[in-house]
Amino acid sequence: MMPRLLKDAKNLKRDALIITAHPDDESIFMGGTIAEFKKWRWRILCMTDCDARFNKRRQEELKSAAEIYKRNGSFVTPFMLGIVKKKGRFLKEEMLRKLKVFIRTHGKPDIIFTHNRSGEYGHKTHKLVNEIVKKSRLKNIYTLHFGIMPENGYGAQEAVSLSNRSIAVKRRAIRLYLRGSQKTNLSRLKGLVNRAMRAKEEKFIT
């Protein structure tokens, strides 16, 4: 059983699974929480295989980001499902099937974090991942509050306060991606990235 509030579980041992569309999503939207909750066992699962040009490089970037969190004392294991587009689109059936296989293979987590239904800033693949996770019927799902106005009525909100050290760790992970294969893409999202790096708390929706 999970405590009612995330903060009440901070010092408990918990298995957490972050399900994202791409490497860098985990750090931009909740890297501070990964750094803050050191007693949790974190798994990061990126569902898509990304652009073929950057496939191997993005995998290495995800591993390098995980190492940044590990050096801070967090237990983090990265995974990539390797789902690619077929005729220009992702197949929902394949995504759901591979997610279920992953859960059967690696075990059910105590808590899941994933994209919100608006895709944070309207990203289609983020929205799709939210849809797939909801269809999986897994329990204890928290979605990212990032980009959502309170009046949208998405559910109860919960905030995780970040220490200065956790903020610094998150920034190191984000900067890794900023220097890497997504330098051009992330430069187009400068306002969003800067907001993430300045954040003193990260919010989630239950």
N, C-alpha and C. Protein backbone atom coordinates (compact mmCIF):
# COMPACT_ATOMS: atom_id res chain seq x y z
N MET A 1 0.84 -1.20 0.00
CA MET A 1 0.00 0.00 0.00
C MET A 1 0.88 1.25 0.00
N MET A 2 0.48 2.22 -0.82
CA MET A 2 1.18 3.50 -0.83
C MET A 2 0.54 4.43 0.20
N PRO A 3 1.34 5.19 0.95
CA PRO A 3 0.76 6.24 1.79
C PRO A 3 -0.04 7.21 0.94
N ARG A 4 -0.93 7.93 1.56
CA ARG A 4 -1.82 8.82 0.82
C ARG A 4 -1.04 9.90 0.08
N LEU A 5 0.03 10.39 0.67
CA LEU A 5 0.82 11.45 0.06
C LEU A 5 2.22 10.94 -0.29
N LEU A 6 2.73 11.42 -1.42
CA LEU A 6 4.07 11.01 -1.84
C LEU A 6 5.11 11.33 -0.77
N LYS A 7 5.00 12.52 -0.18
CA LYS A 7 6.00 12.94 0.80
C LYS A 7 6.06 12.00 2.00
N ASP A 8 4.93 11.33 2.30
CA ASP A 8 4.90 10.40 3.42
C ASP A 8 5.64 9.10 3.10
N ALA A 9 5.89 8.86 1.81
CA ALA A 9 6.58 7.64 1.39
C ALA A 9 8.04 7.89 1.06
N LYS A 10 8.49 9.12 1.22
CA LYS A 10 9.85 9.48 0.80
C LYS A 10 10.92 8.60 1.44
N ASN A 11 10.76 8.29 2.70
CA ASN A 11 11.79 7.53 3.42
C ASN A 11 11.46 6.05 3.53
N LEU A 12 10.49 5.60 2.74
CA LEU A 12 10.15 4.18 2.68
C LEU A 12 10.79 3.57 1.44
N LYS A 13 10.95 2.27 1.45
CA LYS A 13 11.48 1.59 0.26
C LYS A 13 10.32 1.30 -0.69
N ARG A 14 10.41 1.86 -1.89
CA ARG A 14 9.34 1.69 -2.87
C ARG A 14 9.94 1.45 -4.26
N ASP A 15 9.22 0.67 -5.04
CA ASP A 15 9.58 0.46 -6.45
C ASP A 15 8.79 1.45 -7.30
N ALA A 16 9.48 2.31 -8.02
CA ALA A 16 8.81 3.30 -8.86
C ALA A 16 9.22 3.12 -10.32
N LEU A 17 8.25 3.23 -11.20
CA LEU A 17 8.49 3.12 -12.64
C LEU A 17 8.07 4.42 -13.32
N ILE A 18 9.01 5.05 -14.01
CA ILE A 18 8.72 6.24 -14.80
C ILE A 18 8.57 5.81 -16.25
N ILE A 19 7.40 6.03 -16.82
CA ILE A 19 7.15 5.63 -18.21
C ILE A 19 7.07 6.89 -19.05
N THR A 20 8.04 7.08 -19.93
CA THR A 20 8.09 8.28 -20.74
C THR A 20 8.14 7.93 -22.22
N ALA A 21 8.02 8.96 -23.03
CA ALA A 21 8.14 8.77 -24.47
C ALA A 21 9.60 8.69 -24.89
N HIS A 22 10.43 9.57 -24.34
CA HIS A 22 11.81 9.71 -24.80
C HIS A 22 12.79 9.90 -23.64
N PRO A 23 14.08 9.57 -23.86
CA PRO A 23 15.10 10.00 -22.92
C PRO A 23 15.08 11.53 -22.85
N ASP A 24 15.26 12.07 -21.72
CA ASP A 24 15.26 13.48 -21.30
C ASP A 24 13.96 13.88 -20.63
N ASP A 25 12.84 13.20 -20.96
CA ASP A 25 11.56 13.52 -20.31
C ASP A 25 11.64 13.31 -18.81
N GLU A 26 12.30 12.23 -18.39
CA GLU A 26 12.38 11.91 -16.96
C GLU A 26 13.09 13.01 -16.19
N SER A 27 14.11 13.61 -16.78
CA SER A 27 14.89 14.63 -16.08
C SER A 27 14.24 16.00 -16.12
N ILE A 28 13.69 16.36 -17.27
CA ILE A 28 13.05 17.66 -17.40
C ILE A 28 11.84 17.78 -16.48
N PHE A 29 11.03 16.73 -16.44
CA PHE A 29 9.76 16.84 -15.72
C PHE A 29 9.79 16.35 -14.28
N MET A 30 10.74 15.46 -13.92
CA MET A 30 10.74 14.97 -12.53
C MET A 30 12.11 14.52 -12.06
N GLY A 31 13.15 15.09 -12.64
CA GLY A 31 14.50 14.74 -12.21
C GLY A 31 14.78 15.06 -10.76
N GLY A 32 14.17 16.12 -10.25
CA GLY A 32 14.37 16.49 -8.85
C GLY A 32 13.79 15.47 -7.90
N THR A 33 12.67 14.88 -8.27
CA THR A 33 12.04 13.86 -7.43
C THR A 33 12.88 12.59 -7.40
N ILE A 34 13.46 12.22 -8.55
CA ILE A 34 14.36 11.07 -8.59
C ILE A 34 15.53 11.29 -7.63
N ALA A 35 16.08 12.49 -7.65
CA ALA A 35 17.22 12.81 -6.79
C ALA A 35 16.82 12.91 -5.32
N GLU A 36 15.60 13.35 -5.07
CA GLU A 36 15.13 13.58 -3.69
C GLU A 36 14.77 12.29 -2.97
N PHE A 37 14.17 11.34 -3.70
CA PHE A 37 13.66 10.11 -3.08
C PHE A 37 14.72 9.00 -3.23
N LYS A 38 15.75 9.07 -2.42
CA LYS A 38 16.89 8.16 -2.57
C LYS A 38 16.61 6.73 -2.12
N LYS A 39 15.62 6.52 -1.29
CA LYS A 39 15.34 5.17 -0.82
C LYS A 39 14.48 4.38 -1.80
N TRP A 40 13.99 5.06 -2.81
CA TRP A 40 13.16 4.37 -3.80
C TRP A 40 14.04 3.69 -4.84
N ARG A 41 13.53 2.62 -5.40
CA ARG A 41 14.19 1.96 -6.54
C ARG A 41 13.50 2.47 -7.80
N TRP A 42 14.23 3.24 -8.58
CA TRP A 42 13.66 3.88 -9.77
C TRP A 42 13.99 3.09 -11.03
N ARG A 43 12.97 2.87 -11.85
CA ARG A 43 13.19 2.35 -13.20
C ARG A 43 12.65 3.39 -14.18
N ILE A 44 13.44 3.70 -15.18
CA ILE A 44 13.02 4.64 -16.22
C ILE A 44 12.79 3.86 -17.50
N LEU A 45 11.57 3.88 -18.00
CA LEU A 45 11.23 3.14 -19.21
C LEU A 45 10.83 4.11 -20.31
N CYS A 46 11.67 4.22 -21.33
CA CYS A 46 11.35 5.05 -22.50
C CYS A 46 10.71 4.15 -23.55
N MET A 47 9.52 4.51 -23.99
CA MET A 47 8.76 3.61 -24.85
C MET A 47 9.18 3.64 -26.31
N THR A 48 9.58 4.79 -26.82
CA THR A 48 9.89 4.86 -28.25
C THR A 48 11.38 4.75 -28.48
N ASP A 49 11.73 4.32 -29.68
CA ASP A 49 13.13 4.10 -30.02
C ASP A 49 13.77 5.34 -30.63
N CYS A 50 12.99 6.41 -30.73
CA CYS A 50 13.50 7.69 -31.20
C CYS A 50 13.87 7.65 -32.68
N ASP A 51 14.32 8.76 -33.16
CA ASP A 51 14.78 8.88 -34.54
C ASP A 51 15.96 7.92 -34.76
N ALA A 52 15.91 7.18 -35.86
CA ALA A 52 16.95 6.17 -36.14
C ALA A 52 18.35 6.77 -36.14
N ARG A 53 18.46 8.04 -36.51
CA ARG A 53 19.78 8.69 -36.56
C ARG A 53 20.41 8.79 -35.18
N PHE A 54 19.57 8.90 -34.15
CA PHE A 54 20.06 9.16 -32.81
C PHE A 54 19.83 7.98 -31.86
N ASN A 55 19.39 6.85 -32.39
CA ASN A 55 18.99 5.73 -31.54
C ASN A 55 20.05 5.35 -30.51
N LYS A 56 21.22 4.96 -30.98
CA LYS A 56 22.29 4.51 -30.07
C LYS A 56 22.72 5.64 -29.14
N ARG A 57 22.84 6.82 -29.69
CA ARG A 57 23.30 7.96 -28.89
C ARG A 57 22.31 8.28 -27.78
N ARG A 58 21.02 8.22 -28.09
CA ARG A 58 20.02 8.55 -27.07
C ARG A 58 20.00 7.49 -25.98
N GLN A 59 20.23 6.24 -26.35
CA GLN A 59 20.33 5.19 -25.33
C GLN A 59 21.49 5.48 -24.38
N GLU A 60 22.61 5.88 -24.94
CA GLU A 60 23.78 6.18 -24.11
C GLU A 60 23.53 7.41 -23.24
N GLU A 61 22.80 8.39 -23.78
CA GLU A 61 22.48 9.58 -22.98
C GLU A 61 21.60 9.23 -21.80
N LEU A 62 20.64 8.33 -22.01
CA LEU A 62 19.77 7.90 -20.91
C LEU A 62 20.60 7.20 -19.83
N LYS A 63 21.52 6.34 -20.25
CA LYS A 63 22.39 5.65 -19.29
C LYS A 63 23.25 6.65 -18.52
N SER A 64 23.75 7.66 -19.23
CA SER A 64 24.59 8.67 -18.58
C SER A 64 23.80 9.49 -17.57
N ALA A 65 22.54 9.81 -17.92
CA ALA A 65 21.68 10.54 -16.98
C ALA A 65 21.43 9.70 -15.74
N ALA A 66 21.19 8.40 -15.93
CA ALA A 66 20.98 7.50 -14.80
C ALA A 66 22.20 7.48 -13.89
N GLU A 67 23.40 7.54 -14.48
CA GLU A 67 24.63 7.55 -13.68
C GLU A 67 24.73 8.82 -12.84
N ILE A 68 24.24 9.93 -13.37
CA ILE A 68 24.25 11.18 -12.60
C ILE A 68 23.42 11.02 -11.33
N TYR A 69 22.23 10.41 -11.47
CA TYR A 69 21.38 10.19 -10.30
C TYR A 69 22.00 9.17 -9.34
N LYS A 70 22.64 8.16 -9.90
CA LYS A 70 23.28 7.15 -9.05
C LYS A 70 24.39 7.76 -8.20
N ARG A 71 25.17 8.64 -8.80
CA ARG A 71 26.26 9.28 -8.05
C ARG A 71 25.72 10.14 -6.91
N ASN A 72 24.47 10.56 -7.04
CA ASN A 72 23.82 11.33 -5.97
C ASN A 72 23.24 10.42 -4.89
N GLY A 73 23.25 9.11 -5.13
CA GLY A 73 22.73 8.17 -4.14
C GLY A 73 21.41 7.54 -4.49
N SER A 74 20.84 7.87 -5.65
CA SER A 74 19.58 7.28 -6.09
C SER A 74 19.85 5.97 -6.83
N PHE A 75 18.95 5.01 -6.67
CA PHE A 75 19.07 3.73 -7.37
C PHE A 75 18.22 3.81 -8.63
N VAL A 76 18.86 3.88 -9.79
CA VAL A 76 18.16 4.11 -11.05
C VAL A 76 18.60 3.11 -12.10
N THR A 77 17.62 2.49 -12.77
CA THR A 77 17.91 1.57 -13.87
C THR A 77 17.14 2.02 -15.11
N PRO A 78 17.82 2.28 -16.22
CA PRO A 78 17.14 2.74 -17.44
C PRO A 78 16.81 1.59 -18.39
N PHE A 79 15.68 1.72 -19.08
CA PHE A 79 15.26 0.75 -20.09
C PHE A 79 14.69 1.49 -21.29
N MET A 80 14.80 0.87 -22.47
CA MET A 80 14.13 1.40 -23.67
C MET A 80 13.37 0.26 -24.33
N LEU A 81 12.10 0.49 -24.67
CA LEU A 81 11.28 -0.56 -25.28
C LEU A 81 11.58 -0.77 -26.76
N GLY A 82 12.11 0.25 -27.42
CA GLY A 82 12.48 0.08 -28.82
C GLY A 82 11.33 0.10 -29.79
N ILE A 83 10.25 0.80 -29.47
CA ILE A 83 9.10 0.87 -30.37
C ILE A 83 9.34 1.94 -31.42
N VAL A 84 9.16 1.58 -32.68
CA VAL A 84 9.37 2.52 -33.78
C VAL A 84 8.06 2.71 -34.54
N LYS A 85 8.00 3.77 -35.30
CA LYS A 85 6.80 4.05 -36.10
C LYS A 85 6.68 3.07 -37.26
N LYS A 86 5.46 2.69 -37.56
CA LYS A 86 5.15 1.85 -38.72
C LYS A 86 4.28 2.68 -39.65
N LYS A 87 4.81 2.95 -40.83
CA LYS A 87 4.11 3.78 -41.81
C LYS A 87 3.75 5.15 -41.22
N GLY A 88 4.72 5.71 -40.49
CA GLY A 88 4.56 7.06 -39.98
C GLY A 88 3.83 7.21 -38.68
N ARG A 89 3.48 6.11 -38.02
CA ARG A 89 2.76 6.24 -36.74
C ARG A 89 3.12 5.08 -35.81
N PHE A 90 2.94 5.32 -34.53
CA PHE A 90 3.14 4.27 -33.55
C PHE A 90 1.87 3.42 -33.45
N LEU A 91 2.03 2.13 -33.33
CA LEU A 91 0.88 1.23 -33.21
C LEU A 91 0.53 1.06 -31.73
N LYS A 92 -0.67 1.47 -31.36
CA LYS A 92 -1.08 1.41 -29.96
C LYS A 92 -1.06 -0.02 -29.42
N GLU A 93 -1.48 -0.96 -30.26
CA GLU A 93 -1.53 -2.36 -29.82
C GLU A 93 -0.13 -2.86 -29.47
N GLU A 94 0.85 -2.49 -30.28
CA GLU A 94 2.23 -2.90 -30.02
C GLU A 94 2.75 -2.26 -28.74
N MET A 95 2.45 -0.99 -28.54
CA MET A 95 2.91 -0.29 -27.35
C MET A 95 2.33 -0.91 -26.08
N LEU A 96 1.04 -1.20 -26.10
CA LEU A 96 0.39 -1.79 -24.93
C LEU A 96 0.92 -3.19 -24.66
N ARG A 97 1.08 -3.97 -25.73
CA ARG A 97 1.59 -5.34 -25.57
C ARG A 97 2.99 -5.34 -24.98
N LYS A 98 3.87 -4.50 -25.51
CA LYS A 98 5.25 -4.47 -25.03
C LYS A 98 5.34 -3.94 -23.60
N LEU A 99 4.46 -3.01 -23.24
CA LEU A 99 4.45 -2.52 -21.86
C LEU A 99 4.04 -3.65 -20.91
N LYS A 100 3.02 -4.41 -21.29
CA LYS A 100 2.57 -5.52 -20.44
C LYS A 100 3.65 -6.58 -20.29
N VAL A 101 4.37 -6.86 -21.38
CA VAL A 101 5.47 -7.83 -21.32
C VAL A 101 6.56 -7.33 -20.38
N PHE A 102 6.86 -6.04 -20.45
CA PHE A 102 7.88 -5.45 -19.57
C PHE A 102 7.47 -5.62 -18.11
N ILE A 103 6.23 -5.34 -17.80
CA ILE A 103 5.75 -5.46 -16.41
C ILE A 103 5.82 -6.91 -15.94
N ARG A 104 5.41 -7.84 -16.80
CA ARG A 104 5.47 -9.26 -16.42
C ARG A 104 6.92 -9.69 -16.19
N THR A 105 7.83 -9.17 -16.99
CA THR A 105 9.23 -9.56 -16.90
C THR A 105 9.93 -8.95 -15.69
N HIS A 106 9.66 -7.69 -15.44
CA HIS A 106 10.40 -6.96 -14.40
C HIS A 106 9.61 -6.73 -13.12
N GLY A 107 8.35 -7.12 -13.11
CA GLY A 107 7.55 -6.99 -11.91
C GLY A 107 6.75 -5.70 -11.83
N LYS A 108 5.61 -5.77 -11.13
CA LYS A 108 4.77 -4.59 -10.97
C LYS A 108 5.40 -3.61 -9.99
N PRO A 109 5.42 -2.34 -10.34
CA PRO A 109 5.95 -1.33 -9.42
C PRO A 109 4.91 -0.96 -8.37
N ASP A 110 5.37 -0.32 -7.31
CA ASP A 110 4.43 0.19 -6.31
C ASP A 110 3.74 1.45 -6.80
N ILE A 111 4.44 2.20 -7.65
CA ILE A 111 3.92 3.48 -8.13
C ILE A 111 4.46 3.76 -9.52
N ILE A 112 3.64 4.41 -10.34
CA ILE A 112 4.01 4.72 -11.71
C ILE A 112 3.88 6.22 -11.95
N PHE A 113 4.84 6.79 -12.66
CA PHE A 113 4.78 8.18 -13.09
C PHE A 113 4.80 8.20 -14.62
N THR A 114 3.96 9.05 -15.21
CA THR A 114 3.96 9.14 -16.67
C THR A 114 3.45 10.51 -17.11
N HIS A 115 3.43 10.71 -18.42
CA HIS A 115 2.98 11.98 -18.99
C HIS A 115 1.50 12.23 -18.67
N ASN A 116 1.10 13.50 -18.67
CA ASN A 116 -0.32 13.80 -18.48
C ASN A 116 -1.05 13.77 -19.83
N ARG A 117 -2.35 13.85 -19.79
CA ARG A 117 -3.13 13.64 -21.01
C ARG A 117 -3.02 14.78 -22.01
N SER A 118 -2.47 15.92 -21.56
CA SER A 118 -2.26 17.02 -22.50
C SER A 118 -0.86 16.99 -23.10
N GLY A 119 -0.05 15.99 -22.69
CA GLY A 119 1.29 15.88 -23.22
C GLY A 119 2.22 16.98 -22.76
N GLU A 120 1.95 17.56 -21.57
CA GLU A 120 2.74 18.65 -20.99
C GLU A 120 2.67 19.93 -21.82
N TYR A 121 3.10 19.86 -23.05
CA TYR A 121 3.04 21.04 -23.92
C TYR A 121 2.43 20.69 -25.27
N GLY A 122 1.58 19.64 -25.26
CA GLY A 122 0.87 19.24 -26.47
C GLY A 122 1.58 18.21 -27.32
N HIS A 123 2.65 17.60 -26.82
CA HIS A 123 3.42 16.63 -27.60
C HIS A 123 2.57 15.38 -27.85
N LYS A 124 2.41 15.03 -29.11
CA LYS A 124 1.53 13.92 -29.49
C LYS A 124 1.98 12.58 -28.89
N THR A 125 3.28 12.34 -28.90
CA THR A 125 3.76 11.05 -28.38
C THR A 125 3.62 10.99 -26.87
N HIS A 126 3.77 12.12 -26.18
CA HIS A 126 3.54 12.15 -24.74
C HIS A 126 2.08 11.81 -24.44
N LYS A 127 1.17 12.38 -25.21
CA LYS A 127 -0.26 12.07 -25.04
C LYS A 127 -0.52 10.59 -25.26
N LEU A 128 0.12 10.03 -26.28
CA LEU A 128 -0.08 8.62 -26.61
C LEU A 128 0.42 7.73 -25.48
N VAL A 129 1.56 8.04 -24.92
CA VAL A 129 2.08 7.25 -23.81
C VAL A 129 1.12 7.29 -22.62
N ASN A 130 0.57 8.46 -22.32
CA ASN A 130 -0.44 8.56 -21.26
C ASN A 130 -1.62 7.63 -21.54
N GLU A 131 -2.09 7.64 -22.77
CA GLU A 131 -3.22 6.78 -23.15
C GLU A 131 -2.89 5.30 -22.96
N ILE A 132 -1.70 4.90 -23.37
CA ILE A 132 -1.30 3.50 -23.27
C ILE A 132 -1.17 3.08 -21.81
N VAL A 133 -0.57 3.92 -20.99
CA VAL A 133 -0.41 3.59 -19.57
C VAL A 133 -1.77 3.45 -18.90
N LYS A 134 -2.70 4.34 -19.22
CA LYS A 134 -4.04 4.25 -18.64
C LYS A 134 -4.74 2.96 -19.08
N LYS A 135 -4.53 2.56 -20.33
CA LYS A 135 -5.15 1.33 -20.84
C LYS A 135 -4.56 0.07 -20.20
N SER A 136 -3.36 0.20 -19.66
CA SER A 136 -2.71 -0.97 -19.05
C SER A 136 -3.38 -1.41 -17.76
N ARG A 137 -4.19 -0.53 -17.18
CA ARG A 137 -4.91 -0.80 -15.94
C ARG A 137 -3.99 -1.02 -14.75
N LEU A 138 -2.80 -0.48 -14.84
CA LEU A 138 -1.90 -0.52 -13.70
C LEU A 138 -2.40 0.44 -12.61
N LYS A 139 -1.99 0.21 -11.39
CA LYS A 139 -2.49 1.00 -10.27
C LYS A 139 -1.44 2.01 -9.79
N ASN A 140 -1.92 2.95 -8.97
CA ASN A 140 -1.07 3.99 -8.38
C ASN A 140 -0.32 4.77 -9.44
N ILE A 141 -1.07 5.32 -10.40
CA ILE A 141 -0.48 6.10 -11.48
C ILE A 141 -0.53 7.59 -11.13
N TYR A 142 0.62 8.23 -11.19
CA TYR A 142 0.72 9.68 -11.03
C TYR A 142 1.14 10.26 -12.37
N THR A 143 0.45 11.31 -12.80
CA THR A 143 0.84 11.96 -14.05
C THR A 143 1.48 13.31 -13.74
N LEU A 144 2.28 13.78 -14.67
CA LEU A 144 3.02 15.02 -14.49
C LEU A 144 2.08 16.21 -14.51
N HIS A 145 2.21 17.09 -13.53
CA HIS A 145 1.37 18.29 -13.50
C HIS A 145 1.88 19.34 -14.47
N PHE A 146 3.11 19.23 -14.90
CA PHE A 146 3.78 20.23 -15.73
C PHE A 146 2.92 20.63 -16.93
N GLY A 147 2.67 21.93 -17.06
CA GLY A 147 1.94 22.44 -18.22
C GLY A 147 0.44 22.47 -18.05
N ILE A 148 -0.07 22.07 -16.89
CA ILE A 148 -1.51 22.01 -16.67
C ILE A 148 -1.94 23.15 -15.75
N MET A 149 -3.00 23.84 -16.13
CA MET A 149 -3.56 24.87 -15.28
C MET A 149 -4.51 24.21 -14.27
N PRO A 150 -4.50 24.65 -13.01
CA PRO A 150 -5.33 24.03 -11.98
C PRO A 150 -6.81 23.94 -12.34
N GLU A 151 -7.32 24.94 -13.06
CA GLU A 151 -8.74 24.94 -13.36
C GLU A 151 -9.14 23.87 -14.37
N ASN A 152 -8.16 23.19 -14.95
CA ASN A 152 -8.48 22.14 -15.91
C ASN A 152 -9.12 20.93 -15.25
N GLY A 153 -9.02 20.84 -13.93
CA GLY A 153 -9.71 19.78 -13.22
C GLY A 153 -9.20 18.39 -13.50
N TYR A 154 -7.90 18.21 -13.58
CA TYR A 154 -7.34 16.90 -13.88
C TYR A 154 -7.25 16.00 -12.66
N GLY A 155 -7.59 16.48 -11.51
CA GLY A 155 -7.51 15.66 -10.31
C GLY A 155 -6.68 16.33 -9.23
N ALA A 156 -6.52 15.62 -8.11
CA ALA A 156 -5.77 16.16 -6.99
C ALA A 156 -4.32 16.38 -7.37
N GLN A 157 -3.76 17.46 -6.85
CA GLN A 157 -2.37 17.79 -7.14
C GLN A 157 -1.52 17.54 -5.91
N GLU A 158 -0.31 17.09 -6.16
CA GLU A 158 0.61 16.84 -5.06
C GLU A 158 1.98 17.38 -5.43
N ALA A 159 2.62 18.08 -4.52
CA ALA A 159 3.91 18.70 -4.81
C ALA A 159 5.02 18.04 -4.01
N VAL A 160 6.16 17.87 -4.66
CA VAL A 160 7.37 17.37 -4.01
C VAL A 160 8.36 18.53 -3.94
N SER A 161 8.70 18.95 -2.73
CA SER A 161 9.67 20.03 -2.55
C SER A 161 11.08 19.50 -2.79
N LEU A 162 11.89 20.30 -3.47
CA LEU A 162 13.23 19.86 -3.85
C LEU A 162 14.30 20.60 -3.05
N SER A 163 15.26 19.86 -2.55
CA SER A 163 16.40 20.48 -1.88
C SER A 163 17.32 21.10 -2.93
N ASN A 164 18.19 21.99 -2.48
CA ASN A 164 19.14 22.60 -3.42
C ASN A 164 20.01 21.55 -4.10
N ARG A 165 20.36 20.52 -3.36
CA ARG A 165 21.19 19.46 -3.94
C ARG A 165 20.43 18.71 -5.03
N SER A 166 19.17 18.40 -4.78
CA SER A 166 18.37 17.68 -5.79
C SER A 166 18.19 18.53 -7.04
N ILE A 167 18.00 19.83 -6.85
CA ILE A 167 17.87 20.74 -8.00
C ILE A 167 19.16 20.73 -8.81
N ALA A 168 20.30 20.74 -8.12
CA ALA A 168 21.59 20.74 -8.81
C ALA A 168 21.80 19.45 -9.60
N VAL A 169 21.39 18.33 -9.04
CA VAL A 169 21.51 17.04 -9.73
C VAL A 169 20.63 17.02 -10.97
N LYS A 170 19.41 17.48 -10.82
CA LYS A 170 18.48 17.56 -11.95
C LYS A 170 19.07 18.42 -13.07
N ARG A 171 19.64 19.55 -12.71
CA ARG A 171 20.22 20.45 -13.71
C ARG A 171 21.37 19.79 -14.45
N ARG A 172 22.17 18.99 -13.73
CA ARG A 172 23.28 18.30 -14.40
C ARG A 172 22.76 17.32 -15.44
N ALA A 173 21.69 16.62 -15.10
CA ALA A 173 21.11 15.66 -16.04
C ALA A 173 20.53 16.37 -17.26
N ILE A 174 19.83 17.47 -17.03
CA ILE A 174 19.24 18.21 -18.15
C ILE A 174 20.34 18.77 -19.05
N ARG A 175 21.40 19.29 -18.45
CA ARG A 175 22.50 19.85 -19.26
C ARG A 175 23.16 18.78 -20.12
N LEU A 176 23.18 17.55 -19.61
CA LEU A 176 23.72 16.45 -20.41
C LEU A 176 22.94 16.31 -21.72
N TYR A 177 21.62 16.36 -21.61
CA TYR A 177 20.77 16.26 -22.81
C TYR A 177 20.91 17.51 -23.69
N LEU A 178 21.06 18.67 -23.06
CA LEU A 178 21.20 19.91 -23.83
C LEU A 178 22.45 19.91 -24.70
N ARG A 179 23.47 19.19 -24.24
CA ARG A 179 24.71 19.11 -25.01
C ARG A 179 24.70 17.97 -26.02
N GLY A 180 23.68 17.13 -25.98
CA GLY A 180 23.67 15.90 -26.76
C GLY A 180 22.86 15.94 -28.03
N SER A 181 22.26 14.80 -28.35
CA SER A 181 21.58 14.63 -29.63
C SER A 181 20.35 15.51 -29.77
N GLN A 182 19.80 15.97 -28.64
CA GLN A 182 18.57 16.76 -28.70
C GLN A 182 18.83 18.25 -28.52
N LYS A 183 20.07 18.67 -28.73
CA LYS A 183 20.43 20.07 -28.56
C LYS A 183 19.52 20.99 -29.36
N THR A 184 19.27 20.65 -30.62
CA THR A 184 18.44 21.49 -31.48
C THR A 184 16.99 21.48 -31.03
N ASN A 185 16.45 20.28 -30.75
CA ASN A 185 15.05 20.17 -30.34
C ASN A 185 14.79 20.90 -29.02
N LEU A 186 15.68 20.71 -28.06
CA LEU A 186 15.48 21.35 -26.75
C LEU A 186 15.67 22.85 -26.81
N SER A 187 16.48 23.33 -27.76
CA SER A 187 16.65 24.78 -27.89
C SER A 187 15.34 25.44 -28.30
N ARG A 188 14.47 24.69 -28.99
CA ARG A 188 13.16 25.22 -29.38
C ARG A 188 12.21 25.28 -28.18
N LEU A 189 12.56 24.57 -27.12
CA LEU A 189 11.74 24.53 -25.91
C LEU A 189 12.46 25.24 -24.77
N LYS A 190 13.17 26.29 -25.09
CA LYS A 190 14.02 26.98 -24.12
C LYS A 190 13.25 27.42 -22.89
N GLY A 191 12.06 28.00 -23.08
CA GLY A 191 11.27 28.46 -21.95
C GLY A 191 10.88 27.33 -21.03
N LEU A 192 10.46 26.22 -21.61
CA LEU A 192 10.05 25.05 -20.83
C LEU A 192 11.24 24.49 -20.06
N VAL A 193 12.37 24.35 -20.73
CA VAL A 193 13.56 23.79 -20.08
C VAL A 193 14.04 24.70 -18.96
N ASN A 194 14.06 26.00 -19.19
CA ASN A 194 14.48 26.95 -18.15
C ASN A 194 13.56 26.89 -16.94
N ARG A 195 12.27 26.76 -17.21
CA ARG A 195 11.30 26.65 -16.12
C ARG A 195 11.57 25.39 -15.30
N ALA A 196 11.87 24.30 -15.98
CA ALA A 196 12.15 23.04 -15.29
C ALA A 196 13.41 23.16 -14.43
N MET A 197 14.41 23.84 -14.94
CA MET A 197 15.67 23.96 -14.21
C MET A 197 15.57 24.91 -13.02
N ARG A 198 14.62 25.82 -13.05
CA ARG A 198 14.43 26.77 -11.94
C ARG A 198 13.48 26.24 -10.87
N ALA A 199 12.72 25.21 -11.19
CA ALA A 199 11.65 24.74 -10.31
C ALA A 199 12.18 24.29 -8.94
N LYS A 200 11.50 24.72 -7.89
CA LYS A 200 11.85 24.32 -6.53
C LYS A 200 10.94 23.20 -6.02
N GLU A 201 9.97 22.85 -6.84
CA GLU A 201 9.11 21.71 -6.54
C GLU A 201 8.61 21.11 -7.84
N GLU A 202 8.21 19.86 -7.78
CA GLU A 202 7.63 19.17 -8.94
C GLU A 202 6.26 18.65 -8.53
N LYS A 203 5.28 18.88 -9.40
CA LYS A 203 3.90 18.54 -9.06
C LYS A 203 3.41 17.36 -9.88
N PHE A 204 2.51 16.61 -9.25
CA PHE A 204 1.94 15.43 -9.89
C PHE A 204 0.44 15.39 -9.66
N ILE A 205 -0.24 14.64 -10.50
CA ILE A 205 -1.69 14.52 -10.42
C ILE A 205 -2.04 13.07 -10.13
N THR A 206 -2.92 12.86 -9.17
CA THR A 206 -3.32 11.50 -8.81
C THR A 206 -4.66 11.16 -9.44
